[in-house]
Amino acid sequence: MTLRGSANRCAARRVAGVDEAGRGPLAGPVVAAAVILRPGPRIPGVADSKVLTAETRSSLSLVIRRRALCFGIGWAEPAEIDSLNILHATFLAMRRAVLSMSCRPDLLLVDGNRLPRLTGLGGEISARAIVGGDATETAISAASILAKTARDHYMNQMHAIYPEYAFASHKGYATPLHRHLLAKHGPCPLHRRSFAPVGAFFDAVFEWDDEAAYEEMANELEFDPEFESALELESAAGPVGRAELSRR
């Protein structure tokens, strides 16, 4: 599939791609990135972060940061995810990413089929939701890489604080290893109590103002923690690991 250089098509406008990483994990923040690429040739190799290896994402992240006109990173903490639900916490992270940019975009291209609230972002900003945009829009692909690498770096740091959970290995996703360690040690402050495997330790019941929060999250964001965990494992495993995973 050919990536479309949105920034090149709209040279007179500042077009920011916006995407997130970390909706599915049982632990850690949801992280979003917003990036405005400079007009010019497309950065080779930029694609949806889920189809790239960790090494490729890290290399591309450095190039994107150098080549971007500006970018911003924002996140929502586990306590905010528990309070707001993952859908609205994701939107909060996106807003924070846009607000942290050093220049104001004219247009936001957001991966998915829903948009965060645009008021309070500074001036008039238009936005467009694009389903599968992380695979078709260069700016969104770049944002997906920045969000993923920023979150992975944070979870690697958290591994040093909570080594018993092996966060550097699974980044908080619901892998068999993580589930085993969660059952062995119980939750830590990074765990999301509103996610069922964690909430079971507290007999927690979360009631949000949005009574259809889980249904909305699943249907409109096409969110599936188990599927996202599988994607994360596959993207990090490399060709040999992917062949092994396909036999399970």
C-alpha atoms as a PDB file:
ATOM      1  CA  MET A   1       0.000   0.000   0.000  1.00  0.00           C
ATOM      2  CA  THR A   2       1.351   3.405  -0.954  1.00  0.00           C
ATOM      3  CA  LEU A   3       1.691   6.014   1.752  1.00  0.00           C
ATOM      4  CA  ARG A   4       0.294   9.419   0.930  1.00  0.00           C
ATOM      5  CA  GLY A   5       2.389  12.416   1.912  1.00  0.00           C
ATOM      6  CA  SER A   6      -0.309  14.552   3.481  1.00  0.00           C
ATOM      7  CA  ALA A   7       2.102  17.323   4.433  1.00  0.00           C
ATOM      8  CA  ASN A   8       3.210  17.615   0.816  1.00  0.00           C
ATOM      9  CA  ARG A   9      -0.350  17.800  -0.477  1.00  0.00           C
ATOM     10  CA  CYS A  10      -1.176  20.578   1.974  1.00  0.00           C
ATOM     11  CA  ALA A  11       2.052  22.569   1.757  1.00  0.00           C
ATOM     12  CA  ALA A  12       0.295  25.778   2.726  1.00  0.00           C
ATOM     13  CA  ARG A  13      -1.106  24.190   5.871  1.00  0.00           C
ATOM     14  CA  ARG A  14       0.502  22.612   8.896  1.00  0.00           C
ATOM     15  CA  VAL A  15      -0.803  19.058   8.923  1.00  0.00           C
ATOM     16  CA  ALA A  16      -0.198  16.987  12.043  1.00  0.00           C
ATOM     17  CA  GLY A  17      -0.546  13.246  12.194  1.00  0.00           C
ATOM     18  CA  VAL A  18      -1.839  11.924  15.531  1.00  0.00           C
ATOM     19  CA  ASP A  19      -1.735   8.365  16.823  1.00  0.00           C
ATOM     20  CA  GLU A  20      -1.437   6.449  20.088  1.00  0.00           C
ATOM     21  CA  ALA A  21       0.254   3.418  21.575  1.00  0.00           C
ATOM     22  CA  GLY A  22      -0.724   1.377  24.595  1.00  0.00           C
ATOM     23  CA  ARG A  23      -4.508   1.021  24.649  1.00  0.00           C
ATOM     24  CA  GLY A  24      -4.317  -2.711  25.229  1.00  0.00           C
ATOM     25  CA  PRO A  25      -1.755  -3.261  28.013  1.00  0.00           C
ATOM     26  CA  LEU A  26      -2.671  -4.197  31.552  1.00  0.00           C
ATOM     27  CA  ALA A  27      -0.058  -1.752  32.865  1.00  0.00           C
ATOM     28  CA  GLY A  28       1.492   1.579  32.011  1.00  0.00           C
ATOM     29  CA  PRO A  29       0.201   4.736  30.357  1.00  0.00           C
ATOM     30  CA  VAL A  30      -1.483   5.221  27.012  1.00  0.00           C
ATOM     31  CA  VAL A  31       0.851   7.451  24.973  1.00  0.00           C
ATOM     32  CA  ALA A  32       0.028   9.646  21.987  1.00  0.00           C
ATOM     33  CA  ALA A  33       2.185  11.562  19.548  1.00  0.00           C
ATOM     34  CA  ALA A  34       1.473  14.414  17.155  1.00  0.00           C
ATOM     35  CA  VAL A  35       3.950  15.276  14.422  1.00  0.00           C
ATOM     36  CA  ILE A  36       4.149  17.802  11.591  1.00  0.00           C
ATOM     37  CA  LEU A  37       6.562  16.651   8.906  1.00  0.00           C
ATOM     38  CA  ARG A  38       8.471  19.138   6.783  1.00  0.00           C
ATOM     39  CA  PRO A  39       7.486  19.226   3.096  1.00  0.00           C
ATOM     40  CA  GLY A  40       9.799  17.128   0.994  1.00  0.00           C
ATOM     41  CA  PRO A  41      10.572  13.508   0.153  1.00  0.00           C
ATOM     42  CA  ARG A  42       8.955  10.858   2.310  1.00  0.00           C
ATOM     43  CA  ILE A  43      11.181   9.347   4.985  1.00  0.00           C
ATOM     44  CA  PRO A  44      12.082   5.852   3.725  1.00  0.00           C
ATOM     45  CA  GLY A  45      10.711   3.015   5.810  1.00  0.00           C
ATOM     46  CA  VAL A  46       8.036   4.964   7.671  1.00  0.00           C
ATOM     47  CA  ALA A  47       5.008   2.718   8.187  1.00  0.00           C
ATOM     48  CA  ASP A  48       2.524   1.660  10.839  1.00  0.00           C
ATOM     49  CA  SER A  49       4.640   1.011  13.949  1.00  0.00           C
ATOM     50  CA  LYS A  50       2.969  -2.391  14.474  1.00  0.00           C
ATOM     51  CA  VAL A  51       4.568  -3.824  11.310  1.00  0.00           C
ATOM     52  CA  LEU A  52       8.082  -2.649  12.209  1.00  0.00           C
ATOM     53  CA  THR A  53      10.649  -4.288  14.457  1.00  0.00           C
ATOM     54  CA  ALA A  54      11.712  -2.536  17.648  1.00  0.00           C
ATOM     55  CA  GLU A  55      15.122  -1.796  16.146  1.00  0.00           C
ATOM     56  CA  THR A  56      13.607  -0.249  13.011  1.00  0.00           C
ATOM     57  CA  ARG A  57      11.181   1.838  15.072  1.00  0.00           C
ATOM     58  CA  SER A  58      14.028   3.202  17.189  1.00  0.00           C
ATOM     59  CA  SER A  59      16.074   4.188  14.127  1.00  0.00           C
ATOM     60  CA  LEU A  60      13.108   5.809  12.407  1.00  0.00           C
ATOM     61  CA  SER A  61      12.149   7.671  15.570  1.00  0.00           C
ATOM     62  CA  LEU A  62      15.470   9.516  15.530  1.00  0.00           C
ATOM     63  CA  VAL A  63      15.056  10.415  11.853  1.00  0.00           C
ATOM     64  CA  ILE A  64      11.472  11.595  12.357  1.00  0.00           C
ATOM     65  CA  ARG A  65      12.455  13.810  15.285  1.00  0.00           C
ATOM     66  CA  ARG A  66      15.191  15.409  13.156  1.00  0.00           C
ATOM     67  CA  ARG A  67      13.039  15.815  10.047  1.00  0.00           C
ATOM     68  CA  ALA A  68       9.841  17.008  11.728  1.00  0.00           C
ATOM     69  CA  LEU A  69       8.868  20.640  11.763  1.00  0.00           C
ATOM     70  CA  CYS A  70       7.686  19.935  15.308  1.00  0.00           C
ATOM     71  CA  PHE A  71       6.256  17.077  17.342  1.00  0.00           C
ATOM     72  CA  GLY A  72       4.689  16.481  20.735  1.00  0.00           C
ATOM     73  CA  ILE A  73       4.249  13.536  23.086  1.00  0.00           C
ATOM     74  CA  GLY A  74       1.414  13.232  25.589  1.00  0.00           C
ATOM     75  CA  TRP A  75       0.089  10.482  27.799  1.00  0.00           C
ATOM     76  CA  ALA A  76      -2.545   9.506  30.303  1.00  0.00           C
ATOM     77  CA  GLU A  77      -1.510   7.673  33.457  1.00  0.00           C
ATOM     78  CA  PRO A  78      -3.093   4.408  34.667  1.00  0.00           C
ATOM     79  CA  ALA A  79      -5.110   6.288  37.311  1.00  0.00           C
ATOM     80  CA  GLU A  80      -6.545   8.529  34.569  1.00  0.00           C
ATOM     81  CA  ILE A  81      -7.368   5.474  32.454  1.00  0.00           C
ATOM     82  CA  ASP A  82      -9.219   3.984  35.430  1.00  0.00           C
ATOM     83  CA  SER A  83     -11.061   7.235  36.064  1.00  0.00           C
ATOM     84  CA  LEU A  84     -11.994   8.175  32.487  1.00  0.00           C
ATOM     85  CA  ASN A  85     -11.975   4.779  30.670  1.00  0.00           C
ATOM     86  CA  ILE A  86      -9.425   3.912  27.984  1.00  0.00           C
ATOM     87  CA  LEU A  87     -11.315   5.678  25.188  1.00  0.00           C
ATOM     88  CA  HIS A  88     -11.377   9.088  26.842  1.00  0.00           C
ATOM     89  CA  ALA A  89      -7.918   8.638  28.331  1.00  0.00           C
ATOM     90  CA  THR A  90      -6.644   8.062  24.789  1.00  0.00           C
ATOM     91  CA  PHE A  91      -8.283  11.295  23.672  1.00  0.00           C
ATOM     92  CA  LEU A  92      -6.730  13.089  26.654  1.00  0.00           C
ATOM     93  CA  ALA A  93      -3.280  11.821  25.648  1.00  0.00           C
ATOM     94  CA  MET A  94      -3.880  13.023  22.080  1.00  0.00           C
ATOM     95  CA  ARG A  95      -4.871  16.496  23.260  1.00  0.00           C
ATOM     96  CA  ARG A  96      -1.780  16.683  25.453  1.00  0.00           C
ATOM     97  CA  ALA A  97       0.409  15.657  22.513  1.00  0.00           C
ATOM     98  CA  VAL A  98      -1.025  18.417  20.320  1.00  0.00           C
ATOM     99  CA  LEU A  99      -0.715  20.998  23.097  1.00  0.00           C
ATOM    100  CA  SER A 100       2.929  20.081  23.679  1.00  0.00           C
ATOM    101  CA  MET A 101       3.952  20.911  20.107  1.00  0.00           C
ATOM    102  CA  SER A 102       5.955  24.098  19.633  1.00  0.00           C
ATOM    103  CA  CYS A 103       3.882  25.123  16.609  1.00  0.00           C
ATOM    104  CA  ARG A 104       0.125  25.015  16.104  1.00  0.00           C
ATOM    105  CA  PRO A 105      -1.246  22.717  13.403  1.00  0.00           C
ATOM    106  CA  ASP A 106      -4.016  23.759  11.023  1.00  0.00           C
ATOM    107  CA  LEU A 107      -5.254  20.240  10.413  1.00  0.00           C
ATOM    108  CA  LEU A 108      -5.099  17.049  12.486  1.00  0.00           C
ATOM    109  CA  LEU A 109      -5.147  13.650  10.820  1.00  0.00           C
ATOM    110  CA  VAL A 110      -6.134  11.184  13.550  1.00  0.00           C
ATOM    111  CA  ASP A 111      -5.914   7.422  13.249  1.00  0.00           C
ATOM    112  CA  GLY A 112      -9.291   5.775  13.864  1.00  0.00           C
ATOM    113  CA  ASN A 113     -12.912   6.780  13.414  1.00  0.00           C
ATOM    114  CA  ARG A 114     -13.317   9.154  16.349  1.00  0.00           C
ATOM    115  CA  LEU A 115     -11.792  12.533  17.150  1.00  0.00           C
ATOM    116  CA  PRO A 116     -10.687  14.035  20.460  1.00  0.00           C
ATOM    117  CA  ARG A 117     -12.281  17.289  21.575  1.00  0.00           C
ATOM    118  CA  LEU A 118     -10.736  20.164  19.609  1.00  0.00           C
ATOM    119  CA  THR A 119     -11.692  23.105  21.815  1.00  0.00           C
ATOM    120  CA  GLY A 120      -8.909  24.639  23.867  1.00  0.00           C
ATOM    121  CA  LEU A 121      -6.120  23.566  21.502  1.00  0.00           C
ATOM    122  CA  GLY A 122      -5.293  27.147  20.491  1.00  0.00           C
ATOM    123  CA  GLY A 123      -6.954  28.829  17.529  1.00  0.00           C
ATOM    124  CA  GLU A 124      -9.066  27.142  14.905  1.00  0.00           C
ATOM    125  CA  ILE A 125      -7.958  23.600  14.147  1.00  0.00           C
ATOM    126  CA  SER A 126      -9.801  21.230  11.845  1.00  0.00           C
ATOM    127  CA  ALA A 127      -9.472  17.472  12.086  1.00  0.00           C
ATOM    128  CA  ARG A 128     -10.188  14.321  10.143  1.00  0.00           C
ATOM    129  CA  ALA A 129     -10.430  10.781  11.475  1.00  0.00           C
ATOM    130  CA  ILE A 130      -8.966   8.155   9.148  1.00  0.00           C
ATOM    131  CA  VAL A 131      -9.571   4.463   9.751  1.00  0.00           C
ATOM    132  CA  GLY A 132      -6.310   2.638   9.138  1.00  0.00           C
ATOM    133  CA  GLY A 133      -4.528   5.957   8.802  1.00  0.00           C
ATOM    134  CA  ASP A 134      -1.386   4.623  10.457  1.00  0.00           C
ATOM    135  CA  ALA A 135      -0.881   2.507   7.320  1.00  0.00           C
ATOM    136  CA  THR A 136      -1.879   5.082   4.669  1.00  0.00           C
ATOM    137  CA  GLU A 137      -0.917   8.558   5.919  1.00  0.00           C
ATOM    138  CA  THR A 138       2.776   9.312   6.363  1.00  0.00           C
ATOM    139  CA  ALA A 139       2.227  11.814   9.172  1.00  0.00           C
ATOM    140  CA  ILE A 140       0.088   9.358  11.150  1.00  0.00           C
ATOM    141  CA  SER A 141       2.621   6.579  10.572  1.00  0.00           C
ATOM    142  CA  ALA A 142       5.335   8.869  11.922  1.00  0.00           C
ATOM    143  CA  ALA A 143       3.188   9.662  14.962  1.00  0.00           C
ATOM    144  CA  SER A 144       2.584   5.959  15.593  1.00  0.00           C
ATOM    145  CA  ILE A 145       6.352   5.369  15.636  1.00  0.00           C
ATOM    146  CA  LEU A 146       7.012   8.260  18.036  1.00  0.00           C
ATOM    147  CA  ALA A 147       4.227   7.154  20.374  1.00  0.00           C
ATOM    148  CA  LYS A 148       5.342   3.530  20.389  1.00  0.00           C
ATOM    149  CA  THR A 149       9.035   4.249  20.964  1.00  0.00           C
ATOM    150  CA  ALA A 150       8.277   6.796  23.705  1.00  0.00           C
ATOM    151  CA  ARG A 151       6.062   4.320  25.523  1.00  0.00           C
ATOM    152  CA  ASP A 152       8.539   1.453  25.128  1.00  0.00           C
ATOM    153  CA  HIS A 153      11.326   3.636  26.530  1.00  0.00           C
ATOM    154  CA  TYR A 154       9.185   4.502  29.541  1.00  0.00           C
ATOM    155  CA  MET A 155       8.294   0.860  30.201  1.00  0.00           C
ATOM    156  CA  ASN A 156      11.967  -0.087  29.953  1.00  0.00           C
ATOM    157  CA  GLN A 157      12.667   2.483  32.672  1.00  0.00           C
ATOM    158  CA  MET A 158       9.858   1.053  34.788  1.00  0.00           C
ATOM    159  CA  HIS A 159      11.492  -2.366  34.495  1.00  0.00           C
ATOM    160  CA  ALA A 160      14.327  -1.061  36.689  1.00  0.00           C
ATOM    161  CA  ILE A 161      11.819  -0.007  39.355  1.00  0.00           C
ATOM    162  CA  TYR A 162       9.605  -3.101  39.150  1.00  0.00           C
ATOM    163  CA  PRO A 163      11.930  -5.865  37.862  1.00  0.00           C
ATOM    164  CA  GLU A 164       9.653  -8.609  39.160  1.00  0.00           C
ATOM    165  CA  TYR A 165       7.148  -7.855  36.359  1.00  0.00           C
ATOM    166  CA  ALA A 166       9.634  -7.991  33.421  1.00  0.00           C
ATOM    167  CA  PHE A 167       8.142  -4.860  31.839  1.00  0.00           C
ATOM    168  CA  ALA A 168      11.101  -4.563  29.445  1.00  0.00           C
ATOM    169  CA  SER A 169      10.013  -7.859  27.903  1.00  0.00           C
ATOM    170  CA  HIS A 170       6.294  -7.310  27.324  1.00  0.00           C
ATOM    171  CA  LYS A 171       5.818  -3.549  27.900  1.00  0.00           C
ATOM    172  CA  GLY A 172       2.745  -4.216  30.043  1.00  0.00           C
ATOM    173  CA  TYR A 173       0.765  -6.134  27.439  1.00  0.00           C
ATOM    174  CA  ALA A 174      -1.327  -9.127  28.468  1.00  0.00           C
ATOM    175  CA  THR A 175       1.203 -11.761  27.471  1.00  0.00           C
ATOM    176  CA  PRO A 176       1.323 -15.161  29.204  1.00  0.00           C
ATOM    177  CA  LEU A 177       4.505 -14.086  31.012  1.00  0.00           C
ATOM    178  CA  HIS A 178       2.913 -10.891  32.276  1.00  0.00           C
ATOM    179  CA  ARG A 179      -0.225 -12.713  33.409  1.00  0.00           C
ATOM    180  CA  HIS A 180       1.920 -15.244  35.265  1.00  0.00           C
ATOM    181  CA  LEU A 181       3.934 -12.538  37.037  1.00  0.00           C
ATOM    182  CA  LEU A 182       0.786 -10.574  37.838  1.00  0.00           C
ATOM    183  CA  ALA A 183      -0.734 -13.666  39.447  1.00  0.00           C
ATOM    184  CA  LYS A 184       2.490 -14.316  41.373  1.00  0.00           C
ATOM    185  CA  HIS A 185       3.185 -10.791  42.678  1.00  0.00           C
ATOM    186  CA  GLY A 186      -0.171  -9.015  42.449  1.00  0.00           C
ATOM    187  CA  PRO A 187      -0.567  -5.566  40.863  1.00  0.00           C
ATOM    188  CA  CYS A 188       1.867  -2.666  41.211  1.00  0.00           C
ATOM    189  CA  PRO A 189       1.028   1.057  40.855  1.00  0.00           C
ATOM    190  CA  LEU A 190       1.497   0.824  37.073  1.00  0.00           C
ATOM    191  CA  HIS A 191      -1.348  -1.658  36.638  1.00  0.00           C
ATOM    192  CA  ARG A 192      -4.753  -0.536  35.365  1.00  0.00           C
ATOM    193  CA  ARG A 193      -7.357  -1.509  37.935  1.00  0.00           C
ATOM    194  CA  SER A 194     -10.189  -1.031  35.444  1.00  0.00           C
ATOM    195  CA  PHE A 195      -8.831  -3.849  33.275  1.00  0.00           C
ATOM    196  CA  ALA A 196     -10.419  -7.133  34.368  1.00  0.00           C
ATOM    197  CA  PRO A 197      -7.319  -9.251  35.107  1.00  0.00           C
ATOM    198  CA  VAL A 198      -6.036  -6.513  37.419  1.00  0.00           C
ATOM    199  CA  GLY A 199      -9.344  -5.419  38.913  1.00  0.00           C
ATOM    200  CA  ALA A 200      -9.972  -8.976  40.086  1.00  0.00           C
ATOM    201  CA  PHE A 201      -7.312  -8.429  42.751  1.00  0.00           C
ATOM    202  CA  PHE A 202      -9.335  -5.564  44.222  1.00  0.00           C
ATOM    203  CA  ASP A 203     -12.885  -6.707  43.479  1.00  0.00           C
ATOM    204  CA  ALA A 204     -13.010  -3.358  41.735  1.00  0.00           C
ATOM    205  CA  VAL A 205     -16.127  -2.060  40.012  1.00  0.00           C
ATOM    206  CA  PHE A 206     -15.673   1.031  37.869  1.00  0.00           C
ATOM    207  CA  GLU A 207     -18.685   3.120  36.974  1.00  0.00           C
ATOM    208  CA  TRP A 208     -18.087   5.876  34.440  1.00  0.00           C
ATOM    209  CA  ASP A 209     -20.447   8.627  33.379  1.00  0.00           C
ATOM    210  CA  ASP A 210     -20.500   6.951  29.974  1.00  0.00           C
ATOM    211  CA  GLU A 211     -22.585   3.863  30.741  1.00  0.00           C
ATOM    212  CA  ALA A 212     -21.585   2.231  27.440  1.00  0.00           C
ATOM    213  CA  ALA A 213     -17.869   2.884  27.903  1.00  0.00           C
ATOM    214  CA  TYR A 214     -16.653  -0.644  27.265  1.00  0.00           C
ATOM    215  CA  GLU A 215     -18.975  -1.166  24.291  1.00  0.00           C
ATOM    216  CA  GLU A 216     -17.976   2.198  22.826  1.00  0.00           C
ATOM    217  CA  MET A 217     -14.315   1.421  23.387  1.00  0.00           C
ATOM    218  CA  ALA A 218     -14.580  -1.957  21.677  1.00  0.00           C
ATOM    219  CA  ASN A 219     -16.812  -1.018  18.772  1.00  0.00           C
ATOM    220  CA  GLU A 220     -15.638   2.459  17.864  1.00  0.00           C
ATOM    221  CA  LEU A 221     -11.926   2.137  18.561  1.00  0.00           C
ATOM    222  CA  GLU A 222     -11.889  -1.492  17.404  1.00  0.00           C
ATOM    223  CA  PHE A 223     -10.045  -2.249  20.619  1.00  0.00           C
ATOM    224  CA  ASP A 224      -9.135  -5.762  21.698  1.00  0.00           C
ATOM    225  CA  PRO A 225      -6.467  -6.136  24.422  1.00  0.00           C
ATOM    226  CA  GLU A 226      -5.698  -9.742  23.499  1.00  0.00           C
ATOM    227  CA  PHE A 227      -5.307  -8.864  19.804  1.00  0.00           C
ATOM    228  CA  GLU A 228      -3.128  -5.843  20.569  1.00  0.00           C
ATOM    229  CA  SER A 229      -0.935  -8.006  22.777  1.00  0.00           C
ATOM    230  CA  ALA A 230      -0.505 -10.453  19.916  1.00  0.00           C
ATOM    231  CA  LEU A 231       0.423  -7.657  17.523  1.00  0.00           C
ATOM    232  CA  GLU A 232       2.962  -6.322  19.995  1.00  0.00           C
ATOM    233  CA  LEU A 233       4.559  -9.746  20.411  1.00  0.00           C
ATOM    234  CA  GLU A 234       4.670 -10.324  16.664  1.00  0.00           C
ATOM    235  CA  SER A 235       6.203  -6.945  15.840  1.00  0.00           C
ATOM    236  CA  ALA A 236       8.959  -7.461  18.398  1.00  0.00           C
ATOM    237  CA  ALA A 237       9.698 -11.081  17.572  1.00  0.00           C
ATOM    238  CA  GLY A 238      11.234 -10.718  14.119  1.00  0.00           C
ATOM    239  CA  PRO A 239      10.830 -13.271  11.299  1.00  0.00           C
ATOM    240  CA  VAL A 240      11.962 -16.292  13.333  1.00  0.00           C
ATOM    241  CA  GLY A 241       9.780 -15.374  16.281  1.00  0.00           C
ATOM    242  CA  ARG A 242       6.778 -14.753  14.036  1.00  0.00           C
ATOM    243  CA  ALA A 243       7.135 -18.219  12.527  1.00  0.00           C
ATOM    244  CA  GLU A 244       7.238 -19.688  16.036  1.00  0.00           C
ATOM    245  CA  LEU A 245       4.169 -17.693  17.129  1.00  0.00           C
ATOM    246  CA  SER A 246       2.220 -18.860  14.070  1.00  0.00           C
ATOM    247  CA  ARG A 247       2.668 -22.487  15.170  1.00  0.00           C
ATOM    248  CA  ARG A 248       1.151 -21.918  18.610  1.00  0.00           C
END
